[in-house]
Amino acid sequence: MATDNRANKKTAMIVASVVVGMIALSFASVPAYRAFCQVTGWGGYTQRADKSADRTLAREVTIRFDGTVAQGLAWRFKPEQLAQTLHIGETGLAFYEAENLSKRPVTGRATYNVSPAKAGIYFKKIECFCFTEQTLSPGEKVSMPVTYFIDPALADDPNMAEVQTITLSYTFFAWDDEPAAAGAVGGSE
């Protein structure tokens, strides 16, 4: 009887340890996945650069721009230009326009990716509104820049030979868990 009791306690401890471990992994998975994507460019995640490319190539790539707003954020958000054609390694400057449609200050944060996804590792941002949160006053409209280049290493990758167009997409989300109803047009303060 004592042996059965000890075996049951041991089994309960193992099961409890597994459950605690699984919970810990679930909380660590999002930051770990984000770090993996940032390092590898997986899933179209762009790279951050401290400076411009060291060389410019004759090959050109067209960059298309896209912007959307997540449900619950009372903003209008769109690119100010539809596309730019640059030489690989050349620094580009694009602008996105955001407007707060609500009657209160609202903070948003942009997530981003590129397609095709395999181009993410070569798309380098030097400066971007997406690096920090953006707070807009009621009715405020702003023009937000992104400075970028396509890494010349793209030309050395045989898997990128057919890539002539890259799309840079942003989606703005409400930040700091702002309730969706509070951000609605004409919402109360």
N, C-alpha and C. Protein backbone atom coordinates (compact mmCIF):
# COMPACT_ATOMS: atom_id res chain seq x y z
N MET A 1 0.82 -1.18 0.00
CA MET A 1 0.00 0.00 0.00
C MET A 1 0.87 1.26 0.00
N ALA A 2 1.92 1.27 0.81
CA ALA A 2 2.83 2.41 0.86
C ALA A 2 3.54 2.57 -0.48
N THR A 3 3.86 1.48 -1.14
CA THR A 3 4.54 1.53 -2.44
C THR A 3 3.61 2.14 -3.49
N ASP A 4 2.32 1.76 -3.46
CA ASP A 4 1.34 2.33 -4.39
C ASP A 4 1.20 3.83 -4.16
N ASN A 5 1.19 4.25 -2.90
CA ASN A 5 1.05 5.65 -2.55
C ASN A 5 2.24 6.45 -3.07
N ARG A 6 3.46 5.90 -2.91
CA ARG A 6 4.68 6.55 -3.39
C ARG A 6 4.67 6.65 -4.92
N ALA A 7 4.23 5.61 -5.58
CA ALA A 7 4.16 5.60 -7.04
C ALA A 7 3.15 6.63 -7.55
N ASN A 8 2.03 6.75 -6.84
CA ASN A 8 1.02 7.75 -7.23
C ASN A 8 1.56 9.16 -7.06
N LYS A 9 2.28 9.41 -5.95
CA LYS A 9 2.86 10.73 -5.71
C LYS A 9 3.90 11.05 -6.79
N LYS A 10 4.71 10.06 -7.14
CA LYS A 10 5.74 10.25 -8.17
C LYS A 10 5.08 10.57 -9.51
N THR A 11 4.04 9.85 -9.86
CA THR A 11 3.31 10.09 -11.11
C THR A 11 2.68 11.48 -11.11
N ALA A 12 2.09 11.87 -9.99
CA ALA A 12 1.47 13.19 -9.88
C ALA A 12 2.52 14.30 -10.04
N MET A 13 3.70 14.11 -9.46
CA MET A 13 4.78 15.09 -9.58
C MET A 13 5.25 15.21 -11.03
N ILE A 14 5.37 14.09 -11.71
CA ILE A 14 5.81 14.11 -13.12
C ILE A 14 4.77 14.83 -13.97
N VAL A 15 3.50 14.50 -13.78
CA VAL A 15 2.43 15.14 -14.55
C VAL A 15 2.40 16.64 -14.26
N ALA A 16 2.51 17.03 -13.00
CA ALA A 16 2.51 18.45 -12.64
C ALA A 16 3.71 19.17 -13.27
N SER A 17 4.87 18.54 -13.28
CA SER A 17 6.06 19.13 -13.88
C SER A 17 5.88 19.33 -15.39
N VAL A 18 5.28 18.34 -16.03
CA VAL A 18 5.03 18.45 -17.47
C VAL A 18 4.07 19.60 -17.75
N VAL A 19 3.01 19.72 -16.97
CA VAL A 19 2.03 20.79 -17.15
C VAL A 19 2.70 22.16 -16.95
N VAL A 20 3.47 22.32 -15.90
CA VAL A 20 4.17 23.58 -15.64
C VAL A 20 5.14 23.90 -16.78
N GLY A 21 5.86 22.88 -17.25
CA GLY A 21 6.79 23.07 -18.36
C GLY A 21 6.08 23.50 -19.64
N MET A 22 4.92 22.90 -19.92
CA MET A 22 4.16 23.26 -21.11
C MET A 22 3.65 24.70 -21.02
N ILE A 23 3.21 25.11 -19.86
CA ILE A 23 2.74 26.49 -19.68
C ILE A 23 3.90 27.46 -19.88
N ALA A 24 5.05 27.15 -19.33
CA ALA A 24 6.22 28.01 -19.49
C ALA A 24 6.62 28.11 -20.96
N LEU A 25 6.59 27.00 -21.68
CA LEU A 25 6.92 27.02 -23.10
C LEU A 25 5.91 27.84 -23.90
N SER A 26 4.65 27.78 -23.52
CA SER A 26 3.65 28.56 -24.26
C SER A 26 3.91 30.06 -24.13
N PHE A 27 4.35 30.52 -22.96
CA PHE A 27 4.66 31.93 -22.79
C PHE A 27 5.95 32.31 -23.49
N ALA A 28 6.89 31.40 -23.59
CA ALA A 28 8.17 31.69 -24.23
C ALA A 28 8.11 31.55 -25.75
N SER A 29 7.09 30.91 -26.28
CA SER A 29 7.06 30.62 -27.72
C SER A 29 6.94 31.88 -28.57
N VAL A 30 6.13 32.86 -28.17
CA VAL A 30 5.97 34.06 -28.99
C VAL A 30 7.28 34.85 -29.08
N PRO A 31 7.94 35.18 -27.96
CA PRO A 31 9.22 35.89 -28.08
C PRO A 31 10.28 35.07 -28.83
N ALA A 32 10.30 33.76 -28.62
CA ALA A 32 11.28 32.92 -29.31
C ALA A 32 11.02 32.91 -30.81
N TYR A 33 9.75 32.81 -31.20
CA TYR A 33 9.40 32.82 -32.63
C TYR A 33 9.75 34.17 -33.25
N ARG A 34 9.44 35.26 -32.55
CA ARG A 34 9.76 36.60 -33.05
C ARG A 34 11.27 36.74 -33.24
N ALA A 35 12.06 36.30 -32.28
CA ALA A 35 13.52 36.38 -32.39
C ALA A 35 14.02 35.56 -33.56
N PHE A 36 13.48 34.36 -33.73
CA PHE A 36 13.86 33.50 -34.85
C PHE A 36 13.57 34.19 -36.18
N CYS A 37 12.38 34.78 -36.31
CA CYS A 37 12.00 35.46 -37.54
C CYS A 37 12.88 36.68 -37.81
N GLN A 38 13.23 37.43 -36.77
CA GLN A 38 14.07 38.60 -36.94
C GLN A 38 15.46 38.21 -37.43
N VAL A 39 16.00 37.13 -36.92
CA VAL A 39 17.34 36.70 -37.29
C VAL A 39 17.38 36.11 -38.69
N THR A 40 16.38 35.32 -39.04
CA THR A 40 16.41 34.58 -40.29
C THR A 40 15.63 35.24 -41.42
N GLY A 41 14.75 36.20 -41.12
CA GLY A 41 13.89 36.77 -42.15
C GLY A 41 12.72 35.86 -42.48
N TRP A 42 12.52 34.81 -41.71
CA TRP A 42 11.45 33.84 -41.95
C TRP A 42 10.09 34.52 -41.95
N GLY A 43 9.23 34.09 -42.82
CA GLY A 43 7.88 34.62 -42.88
C GLY A 43 7.80 36.06 -43.35
N GLY A 44 8.82 36.53 -44.05
CA GLY A 44 8.81 37.89 -44.57
C GLY A 44 9.18 38.95 -43.56
N TYR A 45 9.71 38.54 -42.41
CA TYR A 45 10.12 39.50 -41.39
C TYR A 45 11.34 40.25 -41.89
N THR A 46 11.28 41.58 -41.90
CA THR A 46 12.38 42.38 -42.42
C THR A 46 13.50 42.50 -41.39
N GLN A 47 14.64 42.95 -41.86
CA GLN A 47 15.81 43.11 -41.01
C GLN A 47 16.02 44.59 -40.71
N ARG A 48 16.65 44.88 -39.58
CA ARG A 48 16.97 46.25 -39.19
C ARG A 48 18.45 46.50 -39.47
N ALA A 49 18.76 47.66 -40.05
CA ALA A 49 20.14 48.00 -40.39
C ALA A 49 20.53 49.32 -39.73
N ASP A 50 21.81 49.45 -39.40
CA ASP A 50 22.30 50.68 -38.78
C ASP A 50 22.74 51.71 -39.82
N LYS A 51 23.03 51.24 -41.04
CA LYS A 51 23.51 52.13 -42.08
C LYS A 51 23.09 51.61 -43.44
N SER A 52 23.31 52.40 -44.47
CA SER A 52 22.96 52.03 -45.84
C SER A 52 23.89 50.93 -46.35
N ALA A 53 23.52 50.37 -47.48
CA ALA A 53 24.34 49.33 -48.11
C ALA A 53 25.69 49.90 -48.53
N ASP A 54 26.67 49.05 -48.61
CA ASP A 54 28.01 49.49 -48.99
C ASP A 54 28.23 49.52 -50.50
N ARG A 55 27.24 49.03 -51.28
CA ARG A 55 27.38 49.06 -52.73
C ARG A 55 25.99 49.06 -53.36
N THR A 56 25.93 49.58 -54.58
CA THR A 56 24.69 49.62 -55.35
C THR A 56 24.91 48.82 -56.63
N LEU A 57 23.93 48.00 -56.99
CA LEU A 57 24.03 47.16 -58.18
C LEU A 57 23.17 47.72 -59.30
N ALA A 58 23.42 47.29 -60.51
CA ALA A 58 22.63 47.72 -61.66
C ALA A 58 21.22 47.12 -61.63
N ARG A 59 21.07 45.94 -61.06
CA ARG A 59 19.77 45.26 -61.03
C ARG A 59 18.76 46.10 -60.23
N GLU A 60 17.57 46.22 -60.77
CA GLU A 60 16.52 46.97 -60.10
C GLU A 60 15.46 46.03 -59.53
N VAL A 61 14.82 46.51 -58.46
CA VAL A 61 13.71 45.81 -57.83
C VAL A 61 12.62 46.85 -57.58
N THR A 62 11.38 46.47 -57.84
CA THR A 62 10.25 47.35 -57.55
C THR A 62 9.71 47.00 -56.18
N ILE A 63 9.55 48.01 -55.35
CA ILE A 63 8.98 47.83 -54.01
C ILE A 63 7.54 48.37 -54.06
N ARG A 64 6.59 47.52 -53.74
CA ARG A 64 5.18 47.92 -53.64
C ARG A 64 4.85 48.12 -52.17
N PHE A 65 3.91 49.00 -51.89
CA PHE A 65 3.58 49.35 -50.51
C PHE A 65 2.11 49.06 -50.23
N ASP A 66 1.85 48.56 -49.02
CA ASP A 66 0.50 48.20 -48.61
C ASP A 66 0.33 48.61 -47.15
N GLY A 67 -0.86 49.05 -46.79
CA GLY A 67 -1.13 49.42 -45.41
C GLY A 67 -2.58 49.11 -45.03
N THR A 68 -2.76 48.49 -43.88
CA THR A 68 -4.10 48.17 -43.38
C THR A 68 -4.17 48.50 -41.89
N VAL A 69 -5.40 48.55 -41.40
CA VAL A 69 -5.65 48.82 -39.98
C VAL A 69 -6.44 47.64 -39.42
N ALA A 70 -6.02 47.14 -38.27
CA ALA A 70 -6.72 46.04 -37.62
C ALA A 70 -8.07 46.53 -37.09
N GLN A 71 -8.99 45.59 -37.01
CA GLN A 71 -10.32 45.91 -36.48
C GLN A 71 -10.18 46.49 -35.07
N GLY A 72 -10.95 47.54 -34.79
CA GLY A 72 -10.93 48.14 -33.47
C GLY A 72 -10.04 49.35 -33.34
N LEU A 73 -9.25 49.66 -34.38
CA LEU A 73 -8.40 50.85 -34.35
C LEU A 73 -9.02 51.87 -35.31
N ALA A 74 -9.49 52.97 -34.78
CA ALA A 74 -10.19 53.98 -35.58
C ALA A 74 -9.19 54.90 -36.28
N TRP A 75 -8.41 54.33 -37.15
CA TRP A 75 -7.44 55.07 -37.94
C TRP A 75 -7.67 54.80 -39.42
N ARG A 76 -7.24 55.73 -40.24
CA ARG A 76 -7.08 55.52 -41.67
C ARG A 76 -5.57 55.42 -41.86
N PHE A 77 -5.11 54.44 -42.61
CA PHE A 77 -3.66 54.22 -42.79
C PHE A 77 -3.42 53.72 -44.20
N LYS A 78 -2.54 54.41 -44.93
CA LYS A 78 -2.28 54.01 -46.31
C LYS A 78 -0.90 54.51 -46.75
N PRO A 79 -0.33 53.85 -47.75
CA PRO A 79 0.94 54.35 -48.29
C PRO A 79 0.69 55.61 -49.11
N GLU A 80 1.65 56.53 -49.11
CA GLU A 80 1.53 57.74 -49.91
C GLU A 80 1.98 57.52 -51.35
N GLN A 81 2.67 56.43 -51.61
CA GLN A 81 3.06 56.04 -52.95
C GLN A 81 2.74 54.56 -53.10
N LEU A 82 2.41 54.14 -54.30
CA LEU A 82 2.07 52.73 -54.51
C LEU A 82 3.30 51.86 -54.74
N ALA A 83 4.35 52.45 -55.35
CA ALA A 83 5.54 51.65 -55.64
C ALA A 83 6.74 52.57 -55.87
N GLN A 84 7.92 51.99 -55.70
CA GLN A 84 9.18 52.65 -56.02
C GLN A 84 10.08 51.61 -56.68
N THR A 85 10.83 52.01 -57.67
CA THR A 85 11.80 51.12 -58.30
C THR A 85 13.19 51.64 -57.95
N LEU A 86 13.99 50.77 -57.34
CA LEU A 86 15.33 51.14 -56.89
C LEU A 86 16.35 50.12 -57.37
N HIS A 87 17.59 50.58 -57.46
CA HIS A 87 18.69 49.64 -57.68
C HIS A 87 18.94 48.91 -56.38
N ILE A 88 19.30 47.66 -56.45
CA ILE A 88 19.63 46.90 -55.25
C ILE A 88 20.80 47.60 -54.55
N GLY A 89 20.65 47.87 -53.26
CA GLY A 89 21.65 48.57 -52.47
C GLY A 89 21.36 50.06 -52.34
N GLU A 90 20.53 50.61 -53.22
CA GLU A 90 20.16 52.02 -53.15
C GLU A 90 19.20 52.26 -51.99
N THR A 91 19.37 53.36 -51.28
CA THR A 91 18.49 53.68 -50.16
C THR A 91 17.20 54.30 -50.67
N GLY A 92 16.08 53.78 -50.17
CA GLY A 92 14.76 54.30 -50.54
C GLY A 92 14.11 54.98 -49.35
N LEU A 93 13.22 55.91 -49.64
CA LEU A 93 12.46 56.62 -48.61
C LEU A 93 11.01 56.60 -49.05
N ALA A 94 10.16 56.00 -48.24
CA ALA A 94 8.73 55.94 -48.53
C ALA A 94 7.97 56.53 -47.35
N PHE A 95 6.74 56.95 -47.62
CA PHE A 95 5.91 57.55 -46.58
C PHE A 95 4.55 56.88 -46.53
N TYR A 96 4.06 56.75 -45.31
CA TYR A 96 2.72 56.25 -45.04
C TYR A 96 1.96 57.34 -44.31
N GLU A 97 0.67 57.46 -44.61
CA GLU A 97 -0.16 58.45 -43.95
C GLU A 97 -1.10 57.76 -42.97
N ALA A 98 -1.17 58.31 -41.76
CA ALA A 98 -2.08 57.79 -40.74
C ALA A 98 -2.93 58.94 -40.23
N GLU A 99 -4.20 58.63 -39.96
CA GLU A 99 -5.11 59.63 -39.43
C GLU A 99 -5.97 59.00 -38.34
N ASN A 100 -6.04 59.68 -37.20
CA ASN A 100 -6.88 59.23 -36.09
C ASN A 100 -8.30 59.74 -36.34
N LEU A 101 -9.24 58.82 -36.52
CA LEU A 101 -10.63 59.16 -36.81
C LEU A 101 -11.48 59.29 -35.54
N SER A 102 -10.90 59.03 -34.38
CA SER A 102 -11.66 59.06 -33.14
C SER A 102 -11.61 60.45 -32.49
N LYS A 103 -12.31 60.59 -31.39
CA LYS A 103 -12.36 61.85 -30.66
C LYS A 103 -11.47 61.83 -29.43
N ARG A 104 -10.48 60.95 -29.43
CA ARG A 104 -9.55 60.87 -28.30
C ARG A 104 -8.18 60.45 -28.81
N PRO A 105 -7.11 60.70 -28.05
CA PRO A 105 -5.79 60.23 -28.46
C PRO A 105 -5.77 58.70 -28.52
N VAL A 106 -5.13 58.16 -29.53
CA VAL A 106 -5.05 56.72 -29.70
C VAL A 106 -3.61 56.35 -30.05
N THR A 107 -3.11 55.30 -29.41
CA THR A 107 -1.77 54.79 -29.68
C THR A 107 -1.87 53.52 -30.49
N GLY A 108 -1.06 53.44 -31.54
CA GLY A 108 -1.03 52.25 -32.39
C GLY A 108 0.39 51.78 -32.59
N ARG A 109 0.51 50.55 -33.01
CA ARG A 109 1.82 49.95 -33.30
C ARG A 109 1.68 49.15 -34.57
N ALA A 110 2.63 49.29 -35.48
CA ALA A 110 2.58 48.60 -36.76
C ALA A 110 3.39 47.32 -36.72
N THR A 111 2.81 46.27 -37.27
CA THR A 111 3.56 45.05 -37.56
C THR A 111 3.82 45.07 -39.06
N TYR A 112 4.80 44.33 -39.50
CA TYR A 112 5.20 44.41 -40.89
C TYR A 112 5.74 43.08 -41.39
N ASN A 113 5.69 42.93 -42.69
CA ASN A 113 6.36 41.82 -43.36
C ASN A 113 6.52 42.15 -44.83
N VAL A 114 7.25 41.32 -45.53
CA VAL A 114 7.42 41.48 -46.97
C VAL A 114 7.01 40.19 -47.65
N SER A 115 6.63 40.34 -48.92
CA SER A 115 6.40 39.15 -49.73
C SER A 115 7.07 39.40 -51.08
N PRO A 116 7.65 38.38 -51.64
CA PRO A 116 7.66 37.02 -51.14
C PRO A 116 8.45 36.92 -49.84
N ALA A 117 8.04 35.98 -49.00
CA ALA A 117 8.62 35.83 -47.67
C ALA A 117 10.13 35.61 -47.73
N LYS A 118 10.60 34.95 -48.76
CA LYS A 118 12.04 34.67 -48.85
C LYS A 118 12.87 35.94 -49.03
N ALA A 119 12.23 37.06 -49.36
CA ALA A 119 12.95 38.33 -49.51
C ALA A 119 13.15 39.05 -48.18
N GLY A 120 12.47 38.59 -47.12
CA GLY A 120 12.53 39.27 -45.83
C GLY A 120 13.93 39.47 -45.30
N ILE A 121 14.78 38.49 -45.48
CA ILE A 121 16.14 38.59 -44.94
C ILE A 121 16.97 39.66 -45.66
N TYR A 122 16.56 40.03 -46.88
CA TYR A 122 17.30 41.01 -47.66
C TYR A 122 16.71 42.42 -47.58
N PHE A 123 15.52 42.55 -47.01
CA PHE A 123 14.88 43.87 -46.91
C PHE A 123 15.35 44.49 -45.60
N LYS A 124 16.14 45.56 -45.69
CA LYS A 124 16.75 46.18 -44.52
C LYS A 124 16.14 47.56 -44.26
N LYS A 125 15.67 47.76 -43.05
CA LYS A 125 15.14 49.07 -42.65
C LYS A 125 16.17 49.80 -41.80
N ILE A 126 16.40 51.06 -42.16
CA ILE A 126 17.33 51.89 -41.39
C ILE A 126 16.54 52.67 -40.33
N GLU A 127 15.44 53.28 -40.74
CA GLU A 127 14.54 54.00 -39.84
C GLU A 127 13.11 53.64 -40.22
N CYS A 128 12.24 53.53 -39.22
CA CYS A 128 10.86 53.19 -39.52
C CYS A 128 9.93 53.58 -38.37
N PHE A 129 8.78 54.09 -38.73
CA PHE A 129 7.74 54.40 -37.74
C PHE A 129 7.33 53.14 -36.98
N CYS A 130 7.58 51.98 -37.57
CA CYS A 130 7.16 50.72 -36.96
C CYS A 130 8.07 50.29 -35.81
N PHE A 131 9.17 50.98 -35.59
CA PHE A 131 10.07 50.61 -34.50
C PHE A 131 9.53 51.02 -33.14
N THR A 132 8.58 51.95 -33.11
CA THR A 132 8.01 52.41 -31.84
C THR A 132 6.49 52.61 -31.99
N GLU A 133 5.82 52.83 -30.87
CA GLU A 133 4.39 53.11 -30.89
C GLU A 133 4.19 54.52 -31.45
N GLN A 134 3.01 54.73 -32.04
CA GLN A 134 2.65 56.04 -32.58
C GLN A 134 1.36 56.50 -31.90
N THR A 135 1.38 57.68 -31.31
CA THR A 135 0.18 58.23 -30.67
C THR A 135 -0.31 59.41 -31.50
N LEU A 136 -1.57 59.34 -31.89
CA LEU A 136 -2.18 60.42 -32.67
C LEU A 136 -3.28 61.07 -31.85
N SER A 137 -3.31 62.39 -31.86
CA SER A 137 -4.37 63.15 -31.19
C SER A 137 -5.66 63.01 -32.00
N PRO A 138 -6.79 63.39 -31.40
CA PRO A 138 -8.05 63.30 -32.13
C PRO A 138 -7.99 64.07 -33.46
N GLY A 139 -8.32 63.41 -34.55
CA GLY A 139 -8.33 64.03 -35.87
C GLY A 139 -6.96 64.28 -36.47
N GLU A 140 -5.88 63.95 -35.77
CA GLU A 140 -4.54 64.23 -36.28
C GLU A 140 -4.20 63.33 -37.47
N LYS A 141 -3.54 63.94 -38.46
CA LYS A 141 -3.07 63.22 -39.64
C LYS A 141 -1.56 63.43 -39.74
N VAL A 142 -0.80 62.35 -39.90
CA VAL A 142 0.65 62.45 -39.97
C VAL A 142 1.17 61.66 -41.16
N SER A 143 2.35 62.08 -41.60
CA SER A 143 3.08 61.38 -42.64
C SER A 143 4.28 60.72 -41.97
N MET A 144 4.38 59.40 -42.10
CA MET A 144 5.41 58.65 -41.37
C MET A 144 6.38 58.00 -42.37
N PRO A 145 7.69 58.24 -42.19
CA PRO A 145 8.67 57.71 -43.14
C PRO A 145 9.21 56.32 -42.77
N VAL A 146 9.67 55.64 -43.80
CA VAL A 146 10.46 54.42 -43.64
C VAL A 146 11.63 54.53 -44.61
N THR A 147 12.85 54.39 -44.08
CA THR A 147 14.07 54.42 -44.88
C THR A 147 14.59 52.99 -44.97
N TYR A 148 14.86 52.53 -46.16
CA TYR A 148 15.17 51.11 -46.37
C TYR A 148 16.11 50.91 -47.55
N PHE A 149 16.61 49.70 -47.70
CA PHE A 149 17.33 49.28 -48.90
C PHE A 149 17.24 47.77 -49.02
N ILE A 150 17.52 47.29 -50.22
CA ILE A 150 17.58 45.84 -50.47
C ILE A 150 19.05 45.47 -50.43
N ASP A 151 19.39 44.54 -49.54
CA ASP A 151 20.77 44.10 -49.36
C ASP A 151 21.32 43.54 -50.67
N PRO A 152 22.51 44.02 -51.10
CA PRO A 152 23.12 43.50 -52.33
C PRO A 152 23.36 41.98 -52.30
N ALA A 153 23.37 41.37 -51.12
CA ALA A 153 23.52 39.91 -51.04
C ALA A 153 22.37 39.19 -51.73
N LEU A 154 21.25 39.86 -51.95
CA LEU A 154 20.12 39.26 -52.67
C LEU A 154 20.57 38.78 -54.05
N ALA A 155 21.44 39.54 -54.71
CA ALA A 155 21.89 39.20 -56.06
C ALA A 155 22.74 37.94 -56.08
N ASP A 156 23.31 37.56 -54.95
CA ASP A 156 24.15 36.36 -54.86
C ASP A 156 23.34 35.10 -54.54
N ASP A 157 22.06 35.26 -54.23
CA ASP A 157 21.21 34.14 -53.84
C ASP A 157 20.46 33.64 -55.07
N PRO A 158 20.77 32.42 -55.54
CA PRO A 158 20.09 31.91 -56.74
C PRO A 158 18.58 31.74 -56.56
N ASN A 159 18.11 31.59 -55.33
CA ASN A 159 16.68 31.47 -55.07
C ASN A 159 15.94 32.80 -55.24
N MET A 160 16.69 33.89 -55.37
CA MET A 160 16.08 35.21 -55.51
C MET A 160 16.19 35.75 -56.94
N ALA A 161 16.70 34.94 -57.87
CA ALA A 161 16.93 35.40 -59.24
C ALA A 161 15.66 35.91 -59.93
N GLU A 162 14.53 35.27 -59.67
CA GLU A 162 13.29 35.67 -60.35
C GLU A 162 12.55 36.80 -59.64
N VAL A 163 13.00 37.20 -58.46
CA VAL A 163 12.30 38.24 -57.70
C VAL A 163 12.57 39.61 -58.31
N GLN A 164 11.51 40.23 -58.82
CA GLN A 164 11.61 41.56 -59.40
C GLN A 164 10.76 42.57 -58.63
N THR A 165 9.81 42.05 -57.83
CA THR A 165 8.92 42.90 -57.05
C THR A 165 8.85 42.38 -55.63
N ILE A 166 8.95 43.29 -54.67
CA ILE A 166 8.81 42.96 -53.25
C ILE A 166 7.72 43.87 -52.69
N THR A 167 6.81 43.31 -51.92
CA THR A 167 5.75 44.10 -51.31
C THR A 167 6.03 44.27 -49.82
N LEU A 168 6.04 45.51 -49.37
CA LEU A 168 6.20 45.85 -47.96
C LEU A 168 4.82 46.15 -47.40
N SER A 169 4.38 45.35 -46.44
CA SER A 169 3.04 45.49 -45.87
C SER A 169 3.11 45.84 -44.39
N TYR A 170 2.23 46.74 -43.98
CA TYR A 170 2.10 47.11 -42.57
C TYR A 170 0.65 46.93 -42.15
N THR A 171 0.45 46.52 -40.91
CA THR A 171 -0.87 46.53 -40.29
C THR A 171 -0.73 47.23 -38.95
N PHE A 172 -1.55 48.25 -38.74
CA PHE A 172 -1.54 48.96 -37.46
C PHE A 172 -2.57 48.34 -36.53
N PHE A 173 -2.16 48.14 -35.28
CA PHE A 173 -3.01 47.60 -34.22
C PHE A 173 -3.08 48.59 -33.07
N ALA A 174 -4.18 48.57 -32.32
CA ALA A 174 -4.26 49.35 -31.09
C ALA A 174 -3.18 48.85 -30.14
N TRP A 175 -2.58 49.75 -29.40
CA TRP A 175 -1.49 49.40 -28.49
C TRP A 175 -1.96 49.53 -27.04
N ASP A 176 -1.32 48.83 -26.14
CA ASP A 176 -1.63 48.85 -24.71
C ASP A 176 -3.02 48.33 -24.41
N ASP A 177 -3.45 47.35 -25.17
CA ASP A 177 -4.73 46.68 -24.94
C ASP A 177 -5.90 47.66 -24.85
N GLU A 178 -5.86 48.69 -25.68
CA GLU A 178 -6.97 49.64 -25.70
C GLU A 178 -8.23 48.91 -26.15
N PRO A 179 -9.34 49.09 -25.44
CA PRO A 179 -10.55 48.40 -25.85
C PRO A 179 -11.03 48.88 -27.21
N ALA A 180 -11.52 47.95 -28.03
CA ALA A 180 -11.95 48.27 -29.38
C ALA A 180 -13.04 49.33 -29.38
N ALA A 181 -13.95 49.27 -28.44
CA ALA A 181 -15.07 50.23 -28.41
C ALA A 181 -14.56 51.64 -28.15
N ALA A 182 -13.50 51.79 -27.37
CA ALA A 182 -13.00 53.12 -27.05
C ALA A 182 -12.40 53.79 -28.29
N GLY A 183 -11.92 53.00 -29.25
CA GLY A 183 -11.31 53.55 -30.44
C GLY A 183 -12.31 53.78 -31.56
N ALA A 184 -13.56 53.46 -31.35
CA ALA A 184 -14.55 53.61 -32.41
C ALA A 184 -14.77 55.07 -32.74
N VAL A 185 -15.11 55.34 -33.99
CA VAL A 185 -15.36 56.70 -34.44
C VAL A 185 -16.48 57.30 -33.58
N GLY A 186 -16.21 58.47 -33.03
CA GLY A 186 -17.19 59.14 -32.19
C GLY A 186 -17.32 58.52 -30.81
N GLY A 187 -16.41 57.62 -30.45
CA GLY A 187 -16.47 56.95 -29.14
C GLY A 187 -16.29 57.94 -28.01
N SER A 188 -16.78 57.56 -26.86
CA SER A 188 -16.67 58.45 -25.70
C SER A 188 -15.29 58.34 -25.07
N GLU A 189 -14.96 59.34 -24.29
CA GLU A 189 -13.65 59.35 -23.65
C GLU A 189 -13.68 58.71 -22.29
